[in-house]
Protein backbone atom coordinates (compact mmCIF):
# COMPACT_ATOMS: atom_id res chain seq x y z
CA UNK A 1 42.21 114.13 220.87
CA UNK A 2 39.13 112.33 222.20
CA UNK A 3 40.16 109.16 220.36
CA UNK A 4 43.65 109.31 221.89
CA UNK A 5 42.23 109.80 225.37
CA UNK A 6 39.82 106.90 224.93
CA UNK A 7 42.46 104.58 223.44
CA UNK A 8 44.99 105.16 226.21
CA UNK A 9 42.67 105.64 229.16
CA UNK A 10 44.47 108.86 229.98
CA UNK A 11 42.27 111.48 231.62
CA UNK A 12 43.84 114.79 230.61
CA UNK A 13 44.95 116.31 227.34
CA UNK A 14 48.26 117.26 228.90
CA UNK A 15 49.03 113.65 229.81
CA UNK A 16 48.12 112.57 226.27
CA UNK A 17 50.47 115.14 224.76
CA UNK A 18 53.28 114.17 227.13
CA UNK A 19 52.82 110.50 226.29
CA UNK A 20 52.89 111.31 222.58
CA UNK A 21 56.09 113.32 222.91
CA UNK A 22 57.77 110.59 224.96
CA UNK A 23 56.76 108.06 222.31
CA UNK A 24 58.25 110.19 219.54
CA UNK A 25 61.51 110.54 221.47
CA UNK A 26 61.68 106.78 222.09
CA UNK A 27 61.07 106.01 218.40
CA UNK A 28 63.77 108.47 217.31
CA UNK A 29 66.24 106.92 219.75
CA UNK A 30 65.46 103.44 218.41
CA UNK A 31 65.94 104.73 214.86
CA UNK A 32 69.36 106.14 215.78
CA UNK A 33 70.37 102.84 217.37
CA UNK A 34 69.34 100.93 214.24
CA UNK A 35 71.36 103.31 212.05
CA UNK A 36 74.37 102.91 214.34
CA UNK A 37 74.09 99.13 214.09
CA UNK A 38 73.74 99.35 210.31
CA UNK A 39 70.23 97.99 209.96
């Protein structure tokens, strides 16, 4: 957790978790788009 906070400059654990979850969602959406496009 400390490494994630230092790497992002985020101050709270909650913000770090929220950023991580948003990143996971974005990656899954991109994956679905690639599958739809056949790549």
